[in-house]
Amino acid sequence: QVRLADSGGGLVQAGGSLRLSCVASGFISGITVMDWYRQTPGKQREFVASITRDSNTNYADSVKGRFTIFRGNAGNTAFLQMNSLKPEDTGVYYCHAGRIGAPKEYGYWGQGTQVTVSS
């Protein structure tokens, strides 16, 4: 079993920054990718960014150049640095961890952290 604790959300004005954190614990040896998704009311959960065990990264087009995902030194932590935030970035952000190529439903989810960007 893997447990994910995500945190770091809050209220920020447009143009501001936030850093989200995700700490994985438990049986994490099988985790090969950690990523972030976000969800707003009435919409499906959407992909934001991912980072593999080898630190290969991928981003949604809507956040490229503004968000950066990186891993902590211990390897069980993933961060999402969010700069130049826009009101449309508002939502609940969820950390996810799993195996590369596996359906996300087979992975693990954090409890979510609220990000609100005011205009």
PDB file of N, CA and C in Angstrom:
ATOM      1  N   GLN A   1       0.848  -1.191   0.000  1.00  0.00           N
ATOM      2  CA  GLN A   1       0.000   0.000   0.000  1.00  0.00           C
ATOM      3  C   GLN A   1       0.883   1.241   0.000  1.00  0.00           C
ATOM      4  N   VAL A   2       0.483   2.227  -0.796  1.00  0.00           N
ATOM      5  CA  VAL A   2       1.194   3.499  -0.874  1.00  0.00           C
ATOM      6  C   VAL A   2       0.266   4.598  -0.383  1.00  0.00           C
ATOM      7  N   ARG A   3       0.800   5.473   0.409  1.00  0.00           N
ATOM      8  CA  ARG A   3       0.030   6.627   0.880  1.00  0.00           C
ATOM      9  C   ARG A   3       0.692   7.901   0.360  1.00  0.00           C
ATOM     10  N   LEU A   4      -0.158   8.820  -0.099  1.00  0.00           N
ATOM     11  CA  LEU A   4       0.320  10.103  -0.621  1.00  0.00           C
ATOM     12  C   LEU A   4      -0.260  11.231   0.207  1.00  0.00           C
ATOM     13  N   ALA A   5       0.600  12.137   0.609  1.00  0.00           N
ATOM     14  CA  ALA A   5       0.156  13.320   1.354  1.00  0.00           C
ATOM     15  C   ALA A   5       0.514  14.537   0.532  1.00  0.00           C
ATOM     16  N   ASP A   6      -0.496  15.189  -0.027  1.00  0.00           N
ATOM     17  CA  ASP A   6      -0.235  16.402  -0.809  1.00  0.00           C
ATOM     18  C   ASP A   6      -0.669  17.637  -0.018  1.00  0.00           C
ATOM     19  N   SER A   7       0.053  18.729  -0.251  1.00  0.00           N
ATOM     20  CA  SER A   7      -0.179  19.959   0.500  1.00  0.00           C
ATOM     21  C   SER A   7       0.386  21.139  -0.266  1.00  0.00           C
ATOM     22  N   GLY A   8       0.147  22.336   0.245  1.00  0.00           N
ATOM     23  CA  GLY A   8       0.746  23.540  -0.322  1.00  0.00           C
ATOM     24  C   GLY A   8      -0.213  24.466  -1.039  1.00  0.00           C
ATOM     25  N   GLY A   9      -1.464  24.074  -1.165  1.00  0.00           N
ATOM     26  CA  GLY A   9      -2.431  24.934  -1.833  1.00  0.00           C
ATOM     27  C   GLY A   9      -2.747  26.167  -1.008  1.00  0.00           C
ATOM     28  N   GLY A  10      -3.499  27.066  -1.601  1.00  0.00           N
ATOM     29  CA  GLY A  10      -3.896  28.281  -0.907  1.00  0.00           C
ATOM     30  C   GLY A  10      -4.536  29.266  -1.860  1.00  0.00           C
ATOM     31  N   LEU A  11      -4.709  30.473  -1.364  1.00  0.00           N
ATOM     32  CA  LEU A  11      -5.302  31.567  -2.134  1.00  0.00           C
ATOM     33  C   LEU A  11      -4.186  32.517  -2.559  1.00  0.00           C
ATOM     34  N   VAL A  12      -4.132  32.827  -3.847  1.00  0.00           N
ATOM     35  CA  VAL A  12      -3.091  33.703  -4.351  1.00  0.00           C
ATOM     36  C   VAL A  12      -3.674  34.585  -5.459  1.00  0.00           C
ATOM     37  N   GLN A  13      -3.117  35.760  -5.618  1.00  0.00           N
ATOM     38  CA  GLN A  13      -3.573  36.639  -6.691  1.00  0.00           C
ATOM     39  C   GLN A  13      -2.974  36.199  -8.028  1.00  0.00           C
ATOM     40  N   ALA A  14      -3.646  36.556  -9.102  1.00  0.00           N
ATOM     41  CA  ALA A  14      -3.131  36.254 -10.431  1.00  0.00           C
ATOM     42  C   ALA A  14      -1.721  36.814 -10.577  1.00  0.00           C
ATOM     43  N   GLY A  15      -0.847  36.008 -11.169  1.00  0.00           N
ATOM     44  CA  GLY A  15       0.551  36.386 -11.314  1.00  0.00           C
ATOM     45  C   GLY A  15       1.433  35.885 -10.187  1.00  0.00           C
ATOM     46  N   GLY A  16       0.822  35.384  -9.135  1.00  0.00           N
ATOM     47  CA  GLY A  16       1.572  34.895  -7.991  1.00  0.00           C
ATOM     48  C   GLY A  16       2.060  33.477  -8.169  1.00  0.00           C
ATOM     49  N   SER A  17       2.636  32.935  -7.087  1.00  0.00           N
ATOM     50  CA  SER A  17       3.242  31.603  -7.130  1.00  0.00           C
ATOM     51  C   SER A  17       2.808  30.773  -5.926  1.00  0.00           C
ATOM     52  N   LEU A  18       2.818  29.476  -6.132  1.00  0.00           N
ATOM     53  CA  LEU A  18       2.609  28.508  -5.063  1.00  0.00           C
ATOM     54  C   LEU A  18       3.485  27.293  -5.349  1.00  0.00           C
ATOM     55  N   ARG A  19       3.840  26.579  -4.304  1.00  0.00           N
ATOM     56  CA  ARG A  19       4.554  25.320  -4.468  1.00  0.00           C
ATOM     57  C   ARG A  19       3.773  24.218  -3.756  1.00  0.00           C
ATOM     58  N   LEU A  20       3.404  23.199  -4.508  1.00  0.00           N
ATOM     59  CA  LEU A  20       2.721  22.044  -3.962  1.00  0.00           C
ATOM     60  C   LEU A  20       3.727  20.937  -3.657  1.00  0.00           C
ATOM     61  N   SER A  21       3.440  20.180  -2.608  1.00  0.00           N
ATOM     62  CA  SER A  21       4.312  19.072  -2.211  1.00  0.00           C
ATOM     63  C   SER A  21       3.519  17.787  -2.141  1.00  0.00           C
ATOM     64  N   CYS A  22       4.172  16.689  -2.457  1.00  0.00           N
ATOM     65  CA  CYS A  22       3.559  15.367  -2.352  1.00  0.00           C
ATOM     66  C   CYS A  22       4.600  14.424  -1.770  1.00  0.00           C
ATOM     67  N   VAL A  23       4.251  13.805  -0.656  1.00  0.00           N
ATOM     68  CA  VAL A  23       5.157  12.863  -0.002  1.00  0.00           C
ATOM     69  C   VAL A  23       4.537  11.472  -0.067  1.00  0.00           C
ATOM     70  N   ALA A  24       5.293  10.543  -0.623  1.00  0.00           N
ATOM     71  CA  ALA A  24       4.832   9.160  -0.731  1.00  0.00           C
ATOM     72  C   ALA A  24       5.453   8.326   0.375  1.00  0.00           C
ATOM     73  N   SER A  25       4.653   7.428   0.960  1.00  0.00           N
ATOM     74  CA  SER A  25       5.151   6.531   1.992  1.00  0.00           C
ATOM     75  C   SER A  25       4.538   5.155   1.802  1.00  0.00           C
ATOM     76  N   GLY A  26       5.123   4.174   2.486  1.00  0.00           N
ATOM     77  CA  GLY A  26       4.640   2.812   2.352  1.00  0.00           C
ATOM     78  C   GLY A  26       5.480   2.031   1.360  1.00  0.00           C
ATOM     79  N   PHE A  27       4.856   1.159   0.621  1.00  0.00           N
ATOM     80  CA  PHE A  27       5.548   0.292  -0.327  1.00  0.00           C
ATOM     81  C   PHE A  27       5.749   1.036  -1.641  1.00  0.00           C
ATOM     82  N   ILE A  28       6.777   1.895  -1.698  1.00  0.00           N
ATOM     83  CA  ILE A  28       6.949   2.801  -2.833  1.00  0.00           C
ATOM     84  C   ILE A  28       7.939   2.301  -3.864  1.00  0.00           C
ATOM     85  N   SER A  29       8.519   1.133  -3.659  1.00  0.00           N
ATOM     86  CA  SER A  29       9.558   0.669  -4.576  1.00  0.00           C
ATOM     87  C   SER A  29       9.027   0.456  -5.990  1.00  0.00           C
ATOM     88  N   GLY A  30       7.728   0.202  -6.123  1.00  0.00           N
ATOM     89  CA  GLY A  30       7.160  -0.028  -7.444  1.00  0.00           C
ATOM     90  C   GLY A  30       6.690   1.223  -8.152  1.00  0.00           C
ATOM     91  N   ILE A  31       6.829   2.365  -7.502  1.00  0.00           N
ATOM     92  CA  ILE A  31       6.383   3.623  -8.102  1.00  0.00           C
ATOM     93  C   ILE A  31       7.445   4.102  -9.086  1.00  0.00           C
ATOM     94  N   THR A  32       7.049   4.345 -10.334  1.00  0.00           N
ATOM     95  CA  THR A  32       8.006   4.808 -11.331  1.00  0.00           C
ATOM     96  C   THR A  32       7.649   6.177 -11.901  1.00  0.00           C
ATOM     97  N   VAL A  33       6.494   6.687 -11.541  1.00  0.00           N
ATOM     98  CA  VAL A  33       6.117   8.019 -12.000  1.00  0.00           C
ATOM     99  C   VAL A  33       5.219   8.678 -10.946  1.00  0.00           C
ATOM    100  N   MET A  34       5.444   9.962 -10.730  1.00  0.00           N
ATOM    101  CA  MET A  34       4.577  10.763  -9.871  1.00  0.00           C
ATOM    102  C   MET A  34       4.069  11.929 -10.689  1.00  0.00           C
ATOM    103  N   ASP A  35       2.818  12.249 -10.516  1.00  0.00           N
ATOM    104  CA  ASP A  35       2.263  13.340 -11.308  1.00  0.00           C
ATOM    105  C   ASP A  35       1.204  14.119 -10.532  1.00  0.00           C
ATOM    106  N   TRP A  36       0.787  15.191 -11.155  1.00  0.00           N
ATOM    107  CA  TRP A  36      -0.236  16.065 -10.602  1.00  0.00           C
ATOM    108  C   TRP A  36      -1.391  16.173 -11.583  1.00  0.00           C
ATOM    109  N   TYR A  37      -2.589  16.129 -11.023  1.00  0.00           N
ATOM    110  CA  TYR A  37      -3.814  16.369 -11.771  1.00  0.00           C
ATOM    111  C   TYR A  37      -4.574  17.478 -11.057  1.00  0.00           C
ATOM    112  N   ARG A  38      -5.519  18.072 -11.763  1.00  0.00           N
ATOM    113  CA  ARG A  38      -6.367  19.068 -11.109  1.00  0.00           C
ATOM    114  C   ARG A  38      -7.793  18.895 -11.574  1.00  0.00           C
ATOM    115  N   GLN A  39      -8.691  19.358 -10.737  1.00  0.00           N
ATOM    116  CA  GLN A  39     -10.112  19.218 -11.056  1.00  0.00           C
ATOM    117  C   GLN A  39     -10.862  20.448 -10.603  1.00  0.00           C
ATOM    118  N   THR A  40     -11.758  20.925 -11.467  1.00  0.00           N
ATOM    119  CA  THR A  40     -12.653  22.013 -11.116  1.00  0.00           C
ATOM    120  C   THR A  40     -14.082  21.479 -11.177  1.00  0.00           C
ATOM    121  N   PRO A  41     -15.010  22.131 -10.448  1.00  0.00           N
ATOM    122  CA  PRO A  41     -16.389  21.645 -10.429  1.00  0.00           C
ATOM    123  C   PRO A  41     -16.972  21.515 -11.836  1.00  0.00           C
ATOM    124  N   GLY A  42     -17.591  20.387 -12.094  1.00  0.00           N
ATOM    125  CA  GLY A  42     -18.235  20.167 -13.382  1.00  0.00           C
ATOM    126  C   GLY A  42     -17.311  19.691 -14.473  1.00  0.00           C
ATOM    127  N   LYS A  43     -16.028  19.551 -14.161  1.00  0.00           N
ATOM    128  CA  LYS A  43     -15.072  19.097 -15.170  1.00  0.00           C
ATOM    129  C   LYS A  43     -14.392  17.825 -14.705  1.00  0.00           C
ATOM    130  N   GLN A  44     -13.875  17.101 -15.697  1.00  0.00           N
ATOM    131  CA  GLN A  44     -13.109  15.902 -15.364  1.00  0.00           C
ATOM    132  C   GLN A  44     -11.730  16.295 -14.824  1.00  0.00           C
ATOM    133  N   ARG A  45     -11.165  15.389 -14.071  1.00  0.00           N
ATOM    134  CA  ARG A  45      -9.815  15.600 -13.570  1.00  0.00           C
ATOM    135  C   ARG A  45      -8.858  15.621 -14.763  1.00  0.00           C
ATOM    136  N   GLU A  46      -7.977  16.624 -14.821  1.00  0.00           N
ATOM    137  CA  GLU A  46      -7.093  16.756 -15.971  1.00  0.00           C
ATOM    138  C   GLU A  46      -5.632  16.690 -15.547  1.00  0.00           C
ATOM    139  N   PHE A  47      -4.828  16.167 -16.448  1.00  0.00           N
ATOM    140  CA  PHE A  47      -3.397  16.036 -16.230  1.00  0.00           C
ATOM    141  C   PHE A  47      -2.731  17.401 -16.204  1.00  0.00           C
ATOM    142  N   VAL A  48      -1.773  17.571 -15.289  1.00  0.00           N
ATOM    143  CA  VAL A  48      -1.021  18.821 -15.208  1.00  0.00           C
ATOM    144  C   VAL A  48       0.454  18.592 -15.543  1.00  0.00           C
ATOM    145  N   ALA A  49       1.099  17.668 -14.814  1.00  0.00           N
ATOM    146  CA  ALA A  49       2.530  17.435 -15.019  1.00  0.00           C
ATOM    147  C   ALA A  49       2.915  16.084 -14.424  1.00  0.00           C
ATOM    148  N   SER A  50       3.999  15.514 -14.955  1.00  0.00           N
ATOM    149  CA  SER A  50       4.486  14.232 -14.437  1.00  0.00           C
ATOM    150  C   SER A  50       6.003  14.220 -14.407  1.00  0.00           C
ATOM    151  N   ILE A  51       6.550  13.367 -13.555  1.00  0.00           N
ATOM    152  CA  ILE A  51       7.986  13.174 -13.480  1.00  0.00           C
ATOM    153  C   ILE A  51       8.246  11.696 -13.185  1.00  0.00           C
ATOM    154  N   THR A  52       9.157  11.117 -13.974  1.00  0.00           N
ATOM    155  CA  THR A  52       9.480   9.701 -13.782  1.00  0.00           C
ATOM    156  C   THR A  52      10.607   9.547 -12.768  1.00  0.00           C
ATOM    157  N   ARG A  53      10.867   8.294 -12.450  1.00  0.00           N
ATOM    158  CA  ARG A  53      11.959   8.007 -11.526  1.00  0.00           C
ATOM    159  C   ARG A  53      13.285   8.520 -12.081  1.00  0.00           C
ATOM    160  N   ASP A  54      13.398   8.563 -13.420  1.00  0.00           N
ATOM    161  CA  ASP A  54      14.610   9.070 -14.067  1.00  0.00           C
ATOM    162  C   ASP A  54      14.562  10.567 -14.293  1.00  0.00           C
ATOM    163  N   SER A  55      13.548  11.225 -13.694  1.00  0.00           N
ATOM    164  CA  SER A  55      13.391  12.685 -13.775  1.00  0.00           C
ATOM    165  C   SER A  55      13.022  13.186 -15.163  1.00  0.00           C
ATOM    166  N   ASN A  56      12.437  12.343 -15.999  1.00  0.00           N
ATOM    167  CA  ASN A  56      11.856  12.822 -17.249  1.00  0.00           C
ATOM    168  C   ASN A  56      10.520  13.479 -16.926  1.00  0.00           C
ATOM    169  N   THR A  57      10.297  14.632 -17.497  1.00  0.00           N
ATOM    170  CA  THR A  57       9.094  15.393 -17.169  1.00  0.00           C
ATOM    171  C   THR A  57       8.186  15.573 -18.384  1.00  0.00           C
ATOM    172  N   ASN A  58       6.927  15.821 -18.095  1.00  0.00           N
ATOM    173  CA  ASN A  58       5.939  16.079 -19.121  1.00  0.00           C
ATOM    174  C   ASN A  58       4.922  17.054 -18.546  1.00  0.00           C
ATOM    175  N   TYR A  59       4.426  17.955 -19.400  1.00  0.00           N
ATOM    176  CA  TYR A  59       3.509  18.994 -18.935  1.00  0.00           C
ATOM    177  C   TYR A  59       2.311  19.118 -19.864  1.00  0.00           C
ATOM    178  N   ALA A  60       1.194  19.514 -19.294  1.00  0.00           N
ATOM    179  CA  ALA A  60       0.056  19.906 -20.103  1.00  0.00           C
ATOM    180  C   ALA A  60       0.404  21.216 -20.806  1.00  0.00           C
ATOM    181  N   ASP A  61      -0.105  21.398 -22.020  1.00  0.00           N
ATOM    182  CA  ASP A  61       0.216  22.609 -22.777  1.00  0.00           C
ATOM    183  C   ASP A  61      -0.169  23.876 -22.007  1.00  0.00           C
ATOM    184  N   SER A  62      -1.225  23.799 -21.245  1.00  0.00           N
ATOM    185  CA  SER A  62      -1.732  24.986 -20.554  1.00  0.00           C
ATOM    186  C   SER A  62      -0.806  25.484 -19.448  1.00  0.00           C
ATOM    187  N   VAL A  63       0.145  24.647 -19.023  1.00  0.00           N
ATOM    188  CA  VAL A  63       1.022  25.061 -17.920  1.00  0.00           C
ATOM    189  C   VAL A  63       2.491  25.135 -18.324  1.00  0.00           C
ATOM    190  N   LYS A  64       2.808  24.752 -19.540  1.00  0.00           N
ATOM    191  CA  LYS A  64       4.207  24.783 -19.992  1.00  0.00           C
ATOM    192  C   LYS A  64       4.777  26.186 -19.867  1.00  0.00           C
ATOM    193  N   GLY A  65       5.982  26.255 -19.337  1.00  0.00           N
ATOM    194  CA  GLY A  65       6.650  27.530 -19.170  1.00  0.00           C
ATOM    195  C   GLY A  65       6.292  28.253 -17.883  1.00  0.00           C
ATOM    196  N   ARG A  66       5.262  27.780 -17.182  1.00  0.00           N
ATOM    197  CA  ARG A  66       4.838  28.417 -15.922  1.00  0.00           C
ATOM    198  C   ARG A  66       5.017  27.478 -14.722  1.00  0.00           C
ATOM    199  N   PHE A  67       4.779  26.181 -14.934  1.00  0.00           N
ATOM    200  CA  PHE A  67       4.875  25.198 -13.854  1.00  0.00           C
ATOM    201  C   PHE A  67       6.125  24.346 -14.052  1.00  0.00           C
ATOM    202  N   THR A  68       6.711  23.939 -12.926  1.00  0.00           N
ATOM    203  CA  THR A  68       7.857  23.037 -12.957  1.00  0.00           C
ATOM    204  C   THR A  68       7.643  21.930 -11.937  1.00  0.00           C
ATOM    205  N   ILE A  69       7.793  20.689 -12.379  1.00  0.00           N
ATOM    206  CA  ILE A  69       7.710  19.545 -11.469  1.00  0.00           C
ATOM    207  C   ILE A  69       9.116  19.032 -11.221  1.00  0.00           C
ATOM    208  N   PHE A  70       9.416  18.707  -9.970  1.00  0.00           N
ATOM    209  CA  PHE A  70      10.724  18.168  -9.658  1.00  0.00           C
ATOM    210  C   PHE A  70      10.612  17.259  -8.438  1.00  0.00           C
ATOM    211  N   ARG A  71      11.630  16.433  -8.261  1.00  0.00           N
ATOM    212  CA  ARG A  71      11.642  15.463  -7.177  1.00  0.00           C
ATOM    213  C   ARG A  71      12.560  15.941  -6.060  1.00  0.00           C
ATOM    214  N   GLY A  72      12.256  15.502  -4.855  1.00  0.00           N
ATOM    215  CA  GLY A  72      13.125  15.761  -3.737  1.00  0.00           C
ATOM    216  C   GLY A  72      14.292  14.788  -3.719  1.00  0.00           C
ATOM    217  N   ASN A  73      15.283  15.089  -2.898  1.00  0.00           N
ATOM    218  CA  ASN A  73      16.489  14.259  -2.849  1.00  0.00           C
ATOM    219  C   ASN A  73      16.196  12.839  -2.392  1.00  0.00           C
ATOM    220  N   ALA A  74      15.216  12.679  -1.547  1.00  0.00           N
ATOM    221  CA  ALA A  74      14.914  11.352  -1.012  1.00  0.00           C
ATOM    222  C   ALA A  74      14.219  10.465  -2.038  1.00  0.00           C
ATOM    223  N   GLY A  75      13.693  11.070  -3.093  1.00  0.00           N
ATOM    224  CA  GLY A  75      13.073  10.278  -4.148  1.00  0.00           C
ATOM    225  C   GLY A  75      11.622   9.941  -3.912  1.00  0.00           C
ATOM    226  N   ASN A  76      11.118  10.193  -2.719  1.00  0.00           N
ATOM    227  CA  ASN A  76       9.719   9.868  -2.444  1.00  0.00           C
ATOM    228  C   ASN A  76       8.848  11.113  -2.395  1.00  0.00           C
ATOM    229  N   THR A  77       9.408  12.230  -2.858  1.00  0.00           N
ATOM    230  CA  THR A  77       8.684  13.492  -2.808  1.00  0.00           C
ATOM    231  C   THR A  77       8.676  14.146  -4.178  1.00  0.00           C
ATOM    232  N   ALA A  78       7.543  14.680  -4.546  1.00  0.00           N
ATOM    233  CA  ALA A  78       7.433  15.430  -5.794  1.00  0.00           C
ATOM    234  C   ALA A  78       6.859  16.802  -5.488  1.00  0.00           C
ATOM    235  N   PHE A  79       7.396  17.800  -6.136  1.00  0.00           N
ATOM    236  CA  PHE A  79       6.957  19.175  -5.941  1.00  0.00           C
ATOM    237  C   PHE A  79       6.428  19.726  -7.263  1.00  0.00           C
ATOM    238  N   LEU A  80       5.500  20.652  -7.148  1.00  0.00           N
ATOM    239  CA  LEU A  80       5.011  21.369  -8.320  1.00  0.00           C
ATOM    240  C   LEU A  80       5.135  22.861  -8.034  1.00  0.00           C
ATOM    241  N   GLN A  81       6.115  23.484  -8.666  1.00  0.00           N
ATOM    242  CA  GLN A  81       6.289  24.925  -8.531  1.00  0.00           C
ATOM    243  C   GLN A  81       5.420  25.603  -9.575  1.00  0.00           C
ATOM    244  N   MET A  82       4.496  26.429  -9.123  1.00  0.00           N
ATOM    245  CA  MET A  82       3.540  27.074 -10.017  1.00  0.00           C
ATOM    246  C   MET A  82       3.777  28.577  -9.993  1.00  0.00           C
ATOM    247  N   ASN A  83       4.202  29.121 -11.118  1.00  0.00           N
ATOM    248  CA  ASN A  83       4.446  30.552 -11.252  1.00  0.00           C
ATOM    249  C   ASN A  83       3.471  31.168 -12.238  1.00  0.00           C
ATOM    250  N   SER A  84       3.377  32.480 -12.208  1.00  0.00           N
ATOM    251  CA  SER A  84       2.494  33.213 -13.132  1.00  0.00           C
ATOM    252  C   SER A  84       1.094  32.603 -13.142  1.00  0.00           C
ATOM    253  N   LEU A  85       0.562  32.376 -11.971  1.00  0.00           N
ATOM    254  CA  LEU A  85      -0.734  31.714 -11.854  1.00  0.00           C
ATOM    255  C   LEU A  85      -1.843  32.566 -12.457  1.00  0.00           C
ATOM    256  N   LYS A  86      -2.815  31.868 -13.051  1.00  0.00           N
ATOM    257  CA  LYS A  86      -3.962  32.499 -13.672  1.00  0.00           C
ATOM    258  C   LYS A  86      -5.242  32.022 -12.970  1.00  0.00           C
ATOM    259  N   PRO A  87      -6.308  32.797 -13.069  1.00  0.00           N
ATOM    260  CA  PRO A  87      -7.565  32.345 -12.451  1.00  0.00           C
ATOM    261  C   PRO A  87      -8.009  30.970 -12.953  1.00  0.00           C
ATOM    262  N   GLU A  88      -7.713  30.657 -14.200  1.00  0.00           N
ATOM    263  CA  GLU A  88      -8.117  29.353 -14.734  1.00  0.00           C
ATOM    264  C   GLU A  88      -7.285  28.194 -14.177  1.00  0.00           C
ATOM    265  N   ASP A  89      -6.269  28.491 -13.382  1.00  0.00           N
ATOM    266  CA  ASP A  89      -5.523  27.438 -12.698  1.00  0.00           C
ATOM    267  C   ASP A  89      -6.216  27.000 -11.409  1.00  0.00           C
ATOM    268  N   THR A  90      -7.269  27.694 -11.046  1.00  0.00           N
ATOM    269  CA  THR A  90      -8.012  27.365  -9.830  1.00  0.00           C
ATOM    270  C   THR A  90      -8.566  25.952  -9.905  1.00  0.00           C
ATOM    271  N   GLY A  91      -8.458  25.217  -8.788  1.00  0.00           N
ATOM    272  CA  GLY A  91      -8.997  23.873  -8.727  1.00  0.00           C
ATOM    273  C   GLY A  91      -8.404  23.115  -7.561  1.00  0.00           C
ATOM    274  N   VAL A  92      -8.827  21.867  -7.416  1.00  0.00           N
ATOM    275  CA  VAL A  92      -8.230  20.974  -6.435  1.00  0.00           C
ATOM    276  C   VAL A  92      -7.138  20.184  -7.143  1.00  0.00           C
ATOM    277  N   TYR A  93      -5.953  20.250  -6.610  1.00  0.00           N
ATOM    278  CA  TYR A  93      -4.800  19.574  -7.201  1.00  0.00           C
ATOM    279  C   TYR A  93      -4.538  18.274  -6.438  1.00  0.00           C
ATOM    280  N   TYR A  94      -4.402  17.201  -7.204  1.00  0.00           N
ATOM    281  CA  TYR A  94      -4.200  15.871  -6.639  1.00  0.00           C
ATOM    282  C   TYR A  94      -2.858  15.309  -7.071  1.00  0.00           C
ATOM    283  N   CYS A  95      -2.130  14.803  -6.119  1.00  0.00           N
ATOM    284  CA  CYS A  95      -0.917  14.054  -6.420  1.00  0.00           C
ATOM    285  C   CYS A  95      -1.307  12.619  -6.752  1.00  0.00           C
ATOM    286  N   HIS A  96      -0.601  12.043  -7.701  1.00  0.00           N
ATOM    287  CA  HIS A  96      -0.851  10.663  -8.116  1.00  0.00           C
ATOM    288  C   HIS A  96       0.499   9.962  -8.273  1.00  0.00           C
ATOM    289  N   ALA A  97       0.532   8.697  -7.959  1.00  0.00           N
ATOM    290  CA  ALA A  97       1.758   7.910  -8.119  1.00  0.00           C
ATOM    291  C   ALA A  97       1.404   6.533  -8.660  1.00  0.00           C
ATOM    292  N   GLY A  98       2.211   6.051  -9.576  1.00  0.00           N
ATOM    293  CA  GLY A  98       1.935   4.745 -10.154  1.00  0.00           C
ATOM    294  C   GLY A  98       3.088   4.259 -10.988  1.00  0.00           C
ATOM    295  N   ARG A  99       2.770   3.363 -11.924  1.00  0.00           N
ATOM    296  CA  ARG A  99       3.779   2.828 -12.841  1.00  0.00           C
ATOM    297  C   ARG A  99       3.620   3.470 -14.200  1.00  0.00           C
ATOM    298  N   ILE A 100       4.730   3.715 -14.850  1.00  0.00           N
ATOM    299  CA  ILE A 100       4.697   4.308 -16.187  1.00  0.00           C
ATOM    300  C   ILE A 100       3.871   3.415 -17.117  1.00  0.00           C
ATOM    301  N   GLY A 101       2.930   4.040 -17.819  1.00  0.00           N
ATOM    302  CA  GLY A 101       2.133   3.316 -18.798  1.00  0.00           C
ATOM    303  C   GLY A 101       0.888   2.663 -18.247  1.00  0.00           C
ATOM    304  N   ALA A 102       0.779   2.554 -16.929  1.00  0.00           N
ATOM    305  CA  ALA A 102      -0.400   1.925 -16.339  1.00  0.00           C
ATOM    306  C   ALA A 102      -1.543   2.923 -16.265  1.00  0.00           C
ATOM    307  N   PRO A 103      -2.783   2.466 -16.367  1.00  0.00           N
ATOM    308  CA  PRO A 103      -3.916   3.392 -16.194  1.00  0.00           C
ATOM    309  C   PRO A 103      -3.840   4.064 -14.829  1.00  0.00           C
ATOM    310  N   LYS A 104      -4.216   5.321 -14.802  1.00  0.00           N
ATOM    311  CA  LYS A 104      -4.084   6.049 -13.542  1.00  0.00           C
ATOM    312  C   LYS A 104      -4.965   5.450 -12.450  1.00  0.00           C
ATOM    313  N   GLU A 105      -6.016   4.757 -12.852  1.00  0.00           N
ATOM    314  CA  GLU A 105      -6.889   4.151 -11.848  1.00  0.00           C
ATOM    315  C   GLU A 105      -6.166   3.064 -11.042  1.00  0.00           C
ATOM    316  N   TYR A 106      -5.068   2.551 -11.588  1.00  0.00           N
ATOM    317  CA  TYR A 106      -4.318   1.507 -10.894  1.00  0.00           C
ATOM    318  C   TYR A 106      -3.304   2.090  -9.911  1.00  0.00           C
ATOM    319  N   GLY A 107      -3.175   3.430  -9.896  1.00  0.00           N
ATOM    320  CA  GLY A 107      -2.217   4.060  -9.008  1.00  0.00           C
ATOM    321  C   GLY A 107      -2.846   4.535  -7.718  1.00  0.00           C
ATOM    322  N   TYR A 108      -2.162   5.464  -7.087  1.00  0.00           N
ATOM    323  CA  TYR A 108      -2.574   5.970  -5.780  1.00  0.00           C
ATOM    324  C   TYR A 108      -2.781   7.478  -5.865  1.00  0.00           C
ATOM    325  N   TRP A 109      -3.692   7.973  -5.045  1.00  0.00           N
ATOM    326  CA  TRP A 109      -4.053   9.389  -5.060  1.00  0.00           C
ATOM    327  C   TRP A 109      -3.883  10.015  -3.687  1.00  0.00           C
ATOM    328  N   GLY A 110      -3.449  11.282  -3.701  1.00  0.00           N
ATOM    329  CA  GLY A 110      -3.489  12.057  -2.486  1.00  0.00           C
ATOM    330  C   GLY A 110      -4.896  12.574  -2.240  1.00  0.00           C
ATOM    331  N   GLN A 111      -5.061  13.277  -1.134  1.00  0.00           N
ATOM    332  CA  GLN A 111      -6.403  13.741  -0.750  1.00  0.00           C
ATOM    333  C   GLN A 111      -6.788  15.020  -1.469  1.00  0.00           C
ATOM    334  N   GLY A 112      -5.819  15.668  -2.105  1.00  0.00           N
ATOM    335  CA  GLY A 112      -6.101  16.901  -2.831  1.00  0.00           C
ATOM    336  C   GLY A 112      -5.827  18.142  -1.997  1.00  0.00           C
ATOM    337  N   THR A 113      -5.415  19.189  -2.687  1.00  0.00           N
ATOM    338  CA  THR A 113      -5.164  20.468  -2.029  1.00  0.00           C
ATOM    339  C   THR A 113      -5.735  21.571  -2.914  1.00  0.00           C
ATOM    340  N   GLN A 114      -6.473  22.495  -2.308  1.00  0.00           N
ATOM    341  CA  GLN A 114      -7.198  23.525  -3.056  1.00  0.00           C
ATOM    342  C   GLN A 114      -6.258  24.666  -3.443  1.00  0.00           C
ATOM    343  N   VAL A 115      -6.301  25.026  -4.709  1.00  0.00           N
ATOM    344  CA  VAL A 115      -5.596  26.202  -5.218  1.00  0.00           C
ATOM    345  C   VAL A 115      -6.640  27.168  -5.759  1.00  0.00           C
ATOM    346  N   THR A 116      -6.616  28.398  -5.257  1.00  0.00           N
ATOM    347  CA  THR A 116      -7.550  29.422  -5.714  1.00  0.00           C
ATOM    348  C   THR A 116      -6.752  30.634  -6.156  1.00  0.00           C
ATOM    349  N   VAL A 117      -6.949  31.032  -7.413  1.00  0.00           N
ATOM    350  CA  VAL A 117      -6.255  32.185  -7.972  1.00  0.00           C
ATOM    351  C   VAL A 117      -7.290  33.268  -8.242  1.00  0.00           C
ATOM    352  N   SER A 118      -7.130  34.380  -7.571  1.00  0.00           N
ATOM    353  CA  SER A 118      -8.080  35.480  -7.742  1.00  0.00           C
ATOM    354  C   SER A 118      -7.594  36.436  -8.817  1.00  0.00           C
ATOM    355  N   SER A 119      -8.540  37.034  -9.510  1.00  0.00           N
ATOM    356  CA  SER A 119      -8.179  37.959 -10.607  1.00  0.00           C
ATOM    357  C   SER A 119      -8.000  39.379 -10.104  1.00  0.00           C
TER     358      SER A 119
END
